[in-house]
C-alpha atoms as a PDB file:
ATOM      1  CA  MET A   1     106.945 113.798  52.430  1.00  0.00           C
ATOM      2  CA  LEU A   2     109.873 115.293  54.270  1.00  0.00           C
ATOM      3  CA  THR A   3     111.170 118.765  53.560  1.00  0.00           C
ATOM      4  CA  LYS A   4     114.914 119.257  53.117  1.00  0.00           C
ATOM      5  CA  LEU A   5     115.202 120.709  56.628  1.00  0.00           C
ATOM      6  CA  GLU A   6     113.342 117.768  58.165  1.00  0.00           C
ATOM      7  CA  LEU A   7     115.503 115.339  56.209  1.00  0.00           C
ATOM      8  CA  PHE A   8     118.658 117.099  57.429  1.00  0.00           C
ATOM      9  CA  GLN A   9     117.398 116.895  61.013  1.00  0.00           C
ATOM     10  CA  ALA A  10     116.595 113.209  60.530  1.00  0.00           C
ATOM     11  CA  PHE A  11     120.188 112.560  59.389  1.00  0.00           C
ATOM     12  CA  VAL A  12     121.753 114.238  62.432  1.00  0.00           C
ATOM     13  CA  ALA A  13     120.821 111.595  65.033  1.00  0.00           C
ATOM     14  CA  PRO A  14     122.147 108.626  63.038  1.00  0.00           C
ATOM     15  CA  ALA A  15     125.339 110.520  62.234  1.00  0.00           C
ATOM     16  CA  ILE A  16     125.925 111.185  65.933  1.00  0.00           C
ATOM     17  CA  PHE A  17     125.260 107.524  66.744  1.00  0.00           C
ATOM     18  CA  ILE A  18     127.753 106.417  64.087  1.00  0.00           C
ATOM     19  CA  SER A  19     130.420 108.696  65.553  1.00  0.00           C
ATOM     20  CA  GLY A  20     129.754 107.533  69.114  1.00  0.00           C
ATOM     21  CA  ALA A  21     129.651 103.882  68.069  1.00  0.00           C
ATOM     22  CA  GLY A  22     132.982 104.330  66.302  1.00  0.00           C
ATOM     23  CA  LEU A  23     134.584 105.442  69.559  1.00  0.00           C
ATOM     24  CA  PHE A  24     133.109 102.480  71.431  1.00  0.00           C
ATOM     25  CA  VAL A  25     134.222 100.063  68.711  1.00  0.00           C
ATOM     26  CA  LEU A  26     137.753 101.486  68.885  1.00  0.00           C
ATOM     27  CA  SER A  27     137.801 101.048  72.663  1.00  0.00           C
ATOM     28  CA  ILE A  28     136.377  97.530  72.451  1.00  0.00           C
ATOM     29  CA  ASN A  29     138.848  96.549  69.735  1.00  0.00           C
ATOM     30  CA  THR A  30     141.772  97.793  71.838  1.00  0.00           C
ATOM     31  CA  ARG A  31     140.567  95.742  74.804  1.00  0.00           C
ATOM     32  CA  LEU A  32     140.078  92.654  72.664  1.00  0.00           C
ATOM     33  CA  MET A  33     143.552  92.896  71.138  1.00  0.00           C
ATOM     34  CA  GLY A  34     145.071  93.229  74.626  1.00  0.00           C
ATOM     35  CA  MET A  35     143.255  90.085  75.718  1.00  0.00           C
ATOM     36  CA  VAL A  36     144.382  88.174  72.642  1.00  0.00           C
ATOM     37  CA  SER A  37     147.999  89.149  73.351  1.00  0.00           C
ATOM     38  CA  ARG A  38     147.723  88.062  76.975  1.00  0.00           C
ATOM     39  CA  LEU A  39     146.097  84.766  75.975  1.00  0.00           C
ATOM     40  CA  ARG A  40     149.013  84.019  73.669  1.00  0.00           C
ATOM     41  CA  VAL A  41     151.505  84.709  76.468  1.00  0.00           C
ATOM     42  CA  PHE A  42     149.596  82.622  79.015  1.00  0.00           C
ATOM     43  CA  ARG A  43     149.208  79.721  76.576  1.00  0.00           C
ATOM     44  CA  ARG A  44     152.938  79.795  75.858  1.00  0.00           C
ATOM     45  CA  GLU A  45     153.765  79.937  79.578  1.00  0.00           C
ATOM     46  CA  LYS A  46     151.361  77.058  80.229  1.00  0.00           C
ATOM     47  CA  HIS A  47     153.001  74.992  77.506  1.00  0.00           C
ATOM     48  CA  LEU A  48     156.469  75.693  78.909  1.00  0.00           C
ATOM     49  CA  ALA A  49     155.306  74.865  82.446  1.00  0.00           C
ATOM     50  CA  ALA A  50     153.750  71.602  81.269  1.00  0.00           C
ATOM     51  CA  MET A  51     156.916  70.671  79.379  1.00  0.00           C
ATOM     52  CA  ALA A  52     158.979  71.392  82.522  1.00  0.00           C
ATOM     53  CA  GLY A  53     156.708  69.151  84.598  1.00  0.00           C
ATOM     54  CA  LYS A  54     155.255  72.028  86.631  1.00  0.00           C
ATOM     55  CA  LYS A  55     151.688  70.728  86.781  1.00  0.00           C
ATOM     56  CA  GLN A  56     150.476  73.094  89.480  1.00  0.00           C
ATOM     57  CA  GLU A  57     151.756  76.117  87.570  1.00  0.00           C
ATOM     58  CA  ALA A  58     150.190  74.823  84.332  1.00  0.00           C
ATOM     59  CA  MET A  59     146.849  74.358  86.111  1.00  0.00           C
ATOM     60  CA  ALA A  60     147.016  77.879  87.535  1.00  0.00           C
ATOM     61  CA  LEU A  61     147.783  79.263  84.085  1.00  0.00           C
ATOM     62  CA  GLN A  62     144.851  77.313  82.622  1.00  0.00           C
ATOM     63  CA  SER A  63     142.574  78.915  85.203  1.00  0.00           C
ATOM     64  CA  GLN A  64     143.787  82.331  84.087  1.00  0.00           C
ATOM     65  CA  ILE A  65     143.330  81.386  80.427  1.00  0.00           C
ATOM     66  CA  ASP A  66     139.730  80.348  81.126  1.00  0.00           C
ATOM     67  CA  SER A  67     139.049  83.650  82.880  1.00  0.00           C
ATOM     68  CA  ILE A  68     140.456  85.708  80.020  1.00  0.00           C
ATOM     69  CA  GLU A  69     138.551  83.644  77.441  1.00  0.00           C
ATOM     70  CA  LEU A  70     135.305  84.360  79.307  1.00  0.00           C
ATOM     71  CA  ARG A  71     136.070  88.078  79.257  1.00  0.00           C
ATOM     72  CA  ALA A  72     137.105  87.940  75.594  1.00  0.00           C
ATOM     73  CA  GLY A  73     133.755  86.320  74.760  1.00  0.00           C
ATOM     74  CA  LYS A  74     131.921  89.234  76.362  1.00  0.00           C
ATOM     75  CA  ILE A  75     134.084  91.721  74.467  1.00  0.00           C
ATOM     76  CA  LYS A  76     133.477  89.826  71.198  1.00  0.00           C
ATOM     77  CA  ASN A  77     129.724  90.082  71.803  1.00  0.00           C
ATOM     78  CA  ALA A  78     130.019  93.782  72.619  1.00  0.00           C
ATOM     79  CA  PHE A  79     132.001  94.295  69.410  1.00  0.00           C
ATOM     80  CA  PHE A  80     129.430  92.374  67.345  1.00  0.00           C
ATOM     81  CA  TYR A  81     126.368  94.200  68.683  1.00  0.00           C
ATOM     82  CA  MET A  82     128.002  97.622  68.370  1.00  0.00           C
ATOM     83  CA  LEU A  83     128.956  96.905  64.759  1.00  0.00           C
ATOM     84  CA  LEU A  84     125.494  95.523  64.028  1.00  0.00           C
ATOM     85  CA  GLY A  85     123.935  98.670  65.480  1.00  0.00           C
ATOM     86  CA  THR A  86     126.293 100.860  63.460  1.00  0.00           C
ATOM     87  CA  ILE A  87     125.367  99.069  60.232  1.00  0.00           C
ATOM     88  CA  GLY A  88     121.698  99.518  61.102  1.00  0.00           C
ATOM     89  CA  VAL A  89     122.191 103.237  61.693  1.00  0.00           C
ATOM     90  CA  MET A  90     123.941 103.575  58.330  1.00  0.00           C
ATOM     91  CA  MET A  91     121.077 101.747  56.644  1.00  0.00           C
ATOM     92  CA  THR A  92     118.693 104.104  58.432  1.00  0.00           C
ATOM     93  CA  CYS A  93     120.451 107.036  56.755  1.00  0.00           C
ATOM     94  CA  LEU A  94     120.027 105.367  53.377  1.00  0.00           C
ATOM     95  CA  LEU A  95     116.368 104.702  54.033  1.00  0.00           C
ATOM     96  CA  LEU A  96     115.834 108.301  55.116  1.00  0.00           C
ATOM     97  CA  GLY A  97     117.212 109.412  51.773  1.00  0.00           C
ATOM     98  CA  LEU A  98     114.903 107.005  49.975  1.00  0.00           C
ATOM     99  CA  SER A  99     111.949 108.222  52.032  1.00  0.00           C
ATOM    100  CA  LEU A 100     111.870 111.345  49.860  1.00  0.00           C
ATOM    101  CA  SER A 101     110.200 109.234  47.191  1.00  0.00           C
ATOM    102  CA  SER A 102     108.020 107.032  49.408  1.00  0.00           C
ATOM    103  CA  SER A 103     106.538 107.777  52.792  1.00  0.00           C
ATOM    104  CA  GLU A 104     106.251 104.066  53.715  1.00  0.00           C
ATOM    105  CA  ILE A 105     110.031 103.850  53.784  1.00  0.00           C
ATOM    106  CA  MET A 106     110.084 106.357  56.659  1.00  0.00           C
ATOM    107  CA  LEU A 107     108.347 103.850  58.940  1.00  0.00           C
ATOM    108  CA  ILE A 108     110.914 101.190  58.036  1.00  0.00           C
ATOM    109  CA  ALA A 109     113.723 103.686  58.735  1.00  0.00           C
ATOM    110  CA  VAL A 110     112.308 104.502  62.181  1.00  0.00           C
ATOM    111  CA  ILE A 111     111.908 100.823  63.094  1.00  0.00           C
ATOM    112  CA  LEU A 112     115.432 100.043  61.882  1.00  0.00           C
ATOM    113  CA  PHE A 113     116.834 102.977  63.854  1.00  0.00           C
ATOM    114  CA  VAL A 114     115.161 101.792  67.069  1.00  0.00           C
ATOM    115  CA  LEU A 115     116.442  98.228  66.537  1.00  0.00           C
ATOM    116  CA  SER A 116     119.934  99.578  65.841  1.00  0.00           C
ATOM    117  CA  VAL A 117     119.977 101.612  69.039  1.00  0.00           C
ATOM    118  CA  LEU A 118     118.781  98.555  70.978  1.00  0.00           C
ATOM    119  CA  SER A 119     121.615  96.538  69.443  1.00  0.00           C
ATOM    120  CA  MET A 120     124.093  99.187  70.569  1.00  0.00           C
ATOM    121  CA  LEU A 121     122.635  99.078  74.064  1.00  0.00           C
ATOM    122  CA  VAL A 122     123.075  95.296  74.167  1.00  0.00           C
ATOM    123  CA  GLY A 123     126.692  95.767  73.064  1.00  0.00           C
ATOM    124  CA  MET A 124     127.249  98.312  75.809  1.00  0.00           C
ATOM    125  CA  MET A 125     125.779  95.924  78.378  1.00  0.00           C
ATOM    126  CA  PHE A 126     128.276  93.233  77.341  1.00  0.00           C
ATOM    127  CA  TYR A 127     131.040  95.834  77.580  1.00  0.00           C
ATOM    128  CA  ILE A 128     129.914  96.896  81.059  1.00  0.00           C
ATOM    129  CA  SER A 129     129.745  93.270  82.227  1.00  0.00           C
ATOM    130  CA  GLU A 130     133.325  92.684  81.027  1.00  0.00           C
ATOM    131  CA  VAL A 131     134.611  95.821  82.700  1.00  0.00           C
ATOM    132  CA  ALA A 132     132.891  94.773  85.919  1.00  0.00           C
ATOM    133  CA  ILE A 133     134.862  91.509  86.070  1.00  0.00           C
ATOM    134  CA  ALA A 134     138.151  92.955  84.762  1.00  0.00           C
ATOM    135  CA  LEU A 135     139.514  93.713  88.228  1.00  0.00           C
ATOM    136  CA  THR A 136     138.652  90.221  89.401  1.00  0.00           C
ATOM    137  CA  SER A 137     140.884  88.897  86.652  1.00  0.00           C
ATOM    138  CA  VAL A 138     143.749  91.124  87.808  1.00  0.00           C
ATOM    139  CA  LYS A 139     143.381  89.797  91.354  1.00  0.00           C
ATOM    140  CA  GLU A 140     143.447  86.234  90.009  1.00  0.00           C
ATOM    141  CA  GLU A 141     146.664  87.041  88.140  1.00  0.00           C
ATOM    142  CA  GLU A 142     148.226  88.299  91.358  1.00  0.00           C
ATOM    143  CA  LYS A 143     147.390  85.003  93.071  1.00  0.00           C
ATOM    144  CA  LEU A 144     148.819  83.157  90.073  1.00  0.00           C
ATOM    145  CA  TYR A 145     152.134  84.970  90.282  1.00  0.00           C
ATOM    146  CA  ASP A 146     152.284  84.433  94.051  1.00  0.00           C
ATOM    147  CA  LEU A 147     151.760  80.712  93.451  1.00  0.00           C
ATOM    148  CA  ILE A 148     154.428  80.589  90.736  1.00  0.00           C
ATOM    149  CA  ASP A 149     156.867  82.486  92.963  1.00  0.00           C
ATOM    150  CA  SER A 150     156.264  80.134  95.898  1.00  0.00           C
ATOM    151  CA  VAL A 151     156.694  77.028  93.711  1.00  0.00           C
ATOM    152  CA  GLU A 152     159.913  78.399  92.197  1.00  0.00           C
ATOM    153  CA  LEU A 153     161.218  79.349  95.648  1.00  0.00           C
ATOM    154  CA  ALA A 154     160.435  75.860  96.969  1.00  0.00           C
ATOM    155  CA  ASP A 155     162.210  74.301  93.949  1.00  0.00           C
ATOM    156  CA  GLU A 156     165.254  76.525  94.474  1.00  0.00           C
ATOM    157  CA  ASN A 157     165.369  75.715  98.196  1.00  0.00           C
ATOM    158  CA  HIS A 158     165.104  72.008  97.377  1.00  0.00           C
ATOM    159  CA  ARG A 159     168.010  72.229  94.904  1.00  0.00           C
ATOM    160  CA  ASN A 160     170.124  74.213  97.367  1.00  0.00           C
ATOM    161  CA  SER A 161     169.565  71.619 100.100  1.00  0.00           C
ATOM    162  CA  LEU A 162     170.915  68.826  97.853  1.00  0.00           C
END
């Protein structure tokens, strides 16, 4: 059986993990919402380019859409595993409270806590992998805009020569 001091100490680690996970989830959510906004803009631009007969521009936009969707998938996984780990940590706190009446529950709480921390680590790995390719996506966007500018300049020059 745990004493009140030991129980208090056992609650501290999960509480810290919940707080830390909350900050990561907030950061991940902000990133995901930014990607969703950009996807909407790129899809609209692709539609407008396709309607205007600008196939090359539409293809370049589709390439960018694919890149962002890949990144968004990694962020979605990071979000999922961080939330799963947070739920597990909360359940650990509940089990620690119940362990006052049964010592077998303590073992379950420890196992759940370890699994929850592993889930958070998996989420962080997805987050790191997305951050690692984020700059690549920015460079691809730069190439996209250079391509769009060159196509528009060529179209304008063609119209001016007529």
